[in-house]
Amino acid sequence: MRKAIFTSLLIPMLALAAEVGQGETLKQGLMYLGAGLAIGLAAFGAGIGMGHAIKGTQEGIARNPTAGGRLQTMMFIGLAFIETLALYALLVAIILLFVK
């Protein structure tokens, strides 16, 4: 785990250290890697968050069926916020790919 964290911190530093005209393909490759990591980790986190939200809602409905409507409403609002965070990561990935 520590190696993964160290590597994820080292790769952006390499992209910033690349000189103009030298290592341009390295810089572009690291931008693609950063964009892929951004959307991949965001999708992974959003999937786990949505799973926990749905699990909690289903457990709550199983314990108190009369509160099912309110719980589902709050779950859908929470899922919308989680999905918004994933879309922000997609926006960051697109910015990394197309802005020079």
Protein backbone atom coordinates (compact mmCIF):
# COMPACT_ATOMS: atom_id res chain seq x y z
CA MET A 1 0.00 0.00 0.00
CA ARG A 2 2.82 2.40 0.82
CA LYS A 3 4.46 1.73 -2.53
CA ALA A 4 1.22 2.57 -4.33
CA ILE A 5 0.85 5.85 -2.44
CA PHE A 6 4.50 6.75 -3.06
CA THR A 7 4.18 5.92 -6.76
CA SER A 8 1.00 7.96 -7.13
CA LEU A 9 2.80 10.95 -5.60
CA LEU A 10 5.96 10.46 -7.65
CA ILE A 11 4.34 10.23 -11.10
CA PRO A 12 2.84 13.78 -11.07
CA MET A 13 6.22 15.14 -9.91
CA LEU A 14 7.87 13.53 -12.93
CA ALA A 15 5.34 15.19 -15.21
CA LEU A 16 6.12 18.60 -13.72
CA ALA A 17 9.87 18.00 -13.92
CA ALA A 18 9.83 17.31 -17.68
CA GLU A 19 11.54 20.07 -19.63
CA VAL A 20 10.03 21.69 -22.70
CA GLY A 21 10.95 19.79 -25.83
CA GLN A 22 12.55 16.96 -23.92
CA GLY A 23 10.45 14.10 -22.66
CA GLU A 24 7.30 15.44 -24.27
CA THR A 25 6.01 11.91 -24.78
CA LEU A 26 6.68 11.15 -21.10
CA LYS A 27 4.69 14.20 -20.08
CA GLN A 28 1.82 13.25 -22.37
CA GLY A 29 1.90 9.66 -21.16
CA LEU A 30 1.78 10.76 -17.54
CA MET A 31 -1.18 13.01 -18.34
CA TYR A 32 -3.02 9.99 -19.75
CA LEU A 33 -2.07 7.96 -16.71
CA GLY A 34 -3.29 10.70 -14.39
CA ALA A 35 -6.59 10.98 -16.24
CA GLY A 36 -7.07 7.24 -16.10
CA LEU A 37 -6.29 7.13 -12.40
CA ALA A 38 -8.61 10.04 -11.69
CA ILE A 39 -11.66 8.49 -13.30
CA GLY A 40 -10.79 4.94 -12.24
CA LEU A 41 -10.41 5.76 -8.57
CA ALA A 42 -13.49 7.99 -8.62
CA ALA A 43 -15.60 5.26 -10.22
CA PHE A 44 -14.28 2.73 -7.69
CA GLY A 45 -15.03 5.02 -4.76
CA ALA A 46 -18.45 5.96 -6.09
CA GLY A 47 -19.36 2.30 -6.56
CA ILE A 48 -18.36 1.44 -3.01
CA GLY A 49 -20.20 4.47 -1.64
CA MET A 50 -23.37 3.64 -3.53
CA GLY A 51 -23.21 0.05 -2.36
CA HIS A 52 -22.94 1.12 1.27
CA ALA A 53 -25.79 3.61 0.87
CA ILE A 54 -28.11 1.05 -0.66
CA LYS A 55 -27.15 -1.57 1.94
CA GLY A 56 -27.88 0.85 4.78
CA THR A 57 -31.20 1.86 3.28
CA GLN A 58 -32.30 -1.74 2.80
CA GLU A 59 -31.35 -2.61 6.38
CA GLY A 60 -33.24 0.43 7.63
CA ILE A 61 -36.34 -0.51 5.65
CA ALA A 62 -36.11 -4.09 6.94
CA ARG A 63 -36.04 -2.85 10.55
CA ASN A 64 -38.73 -0.18 10.14
CA PRO A 65 -40.90 -0.66 7.04
CA THR A 66 -43.06 2.38 7.83
CA ALA A 67 -40.07 4.69 7.29
CA GLY A 68 -39.31 3.18 3.88
CA GLY A 69 -40.44 6.17 1.85
CA ARG A 70 -38.34 8.66 3.76
CA LEU A 71 -35.31 6.39 3.70
CA GLN A 72 -35.55 5.87 -0.04
CA THR A 73 -35.87 9.60 -0.64
CA MET A 74 -32.75 10.30 1.40
CA MET A 75 -30.93 7.44 -0.32
CA PHE A 76 -31.68 8.85 -3.77
CA ILE A 77 -30.46 12.30 -2.73
CA GLY A 78 -27.26 10.76 -1.36
CA LEU A 79 -26.75 8.71 -4.53
CA ALA A 80 -27.11 11.87 -6.60
CA PHE A 81 -24.34 13.53 -4.57
CA ILE A 82 -22.09 10.48 -4.92
CA GLU A 83 -22.65 10.39 -8.68
CA THR A 84 -21.89 14.11 -8.88
CA LEU A 85 -18.47 13.50 -7.31
CA ALA A 86 -17.76 10.84 -9.94
CA LEU A 87 -18.77 13.29 -12.69
CA TYR A 88 -16.39 15.90 -11.23
CA ALA A 89 -13.59 13.34 -11.51
CA LEU A 90 -14.57 12.74 -15.14
CA LEU A 91 -14.36 16.49 -15.72
CA VAL A 92 -10.88 16.57 -14.18
CA ALA A 93 -9.82 13.67 -16.41
CA ILE A 94 -11.12 15.46 -19.50
CA ILE A 95 -9.30 18.64 -18.49
CA LEU A 96 -6.07 16.65 -18.02
CA LEU A 97 -6.42 15.18 -21.50
CA PHE A 98 -7.34 18.24 -23.53
CA VAL A 99 -5.77 21.26 -21.82
CA LYS A 100 -2.10 21.83 -22.57
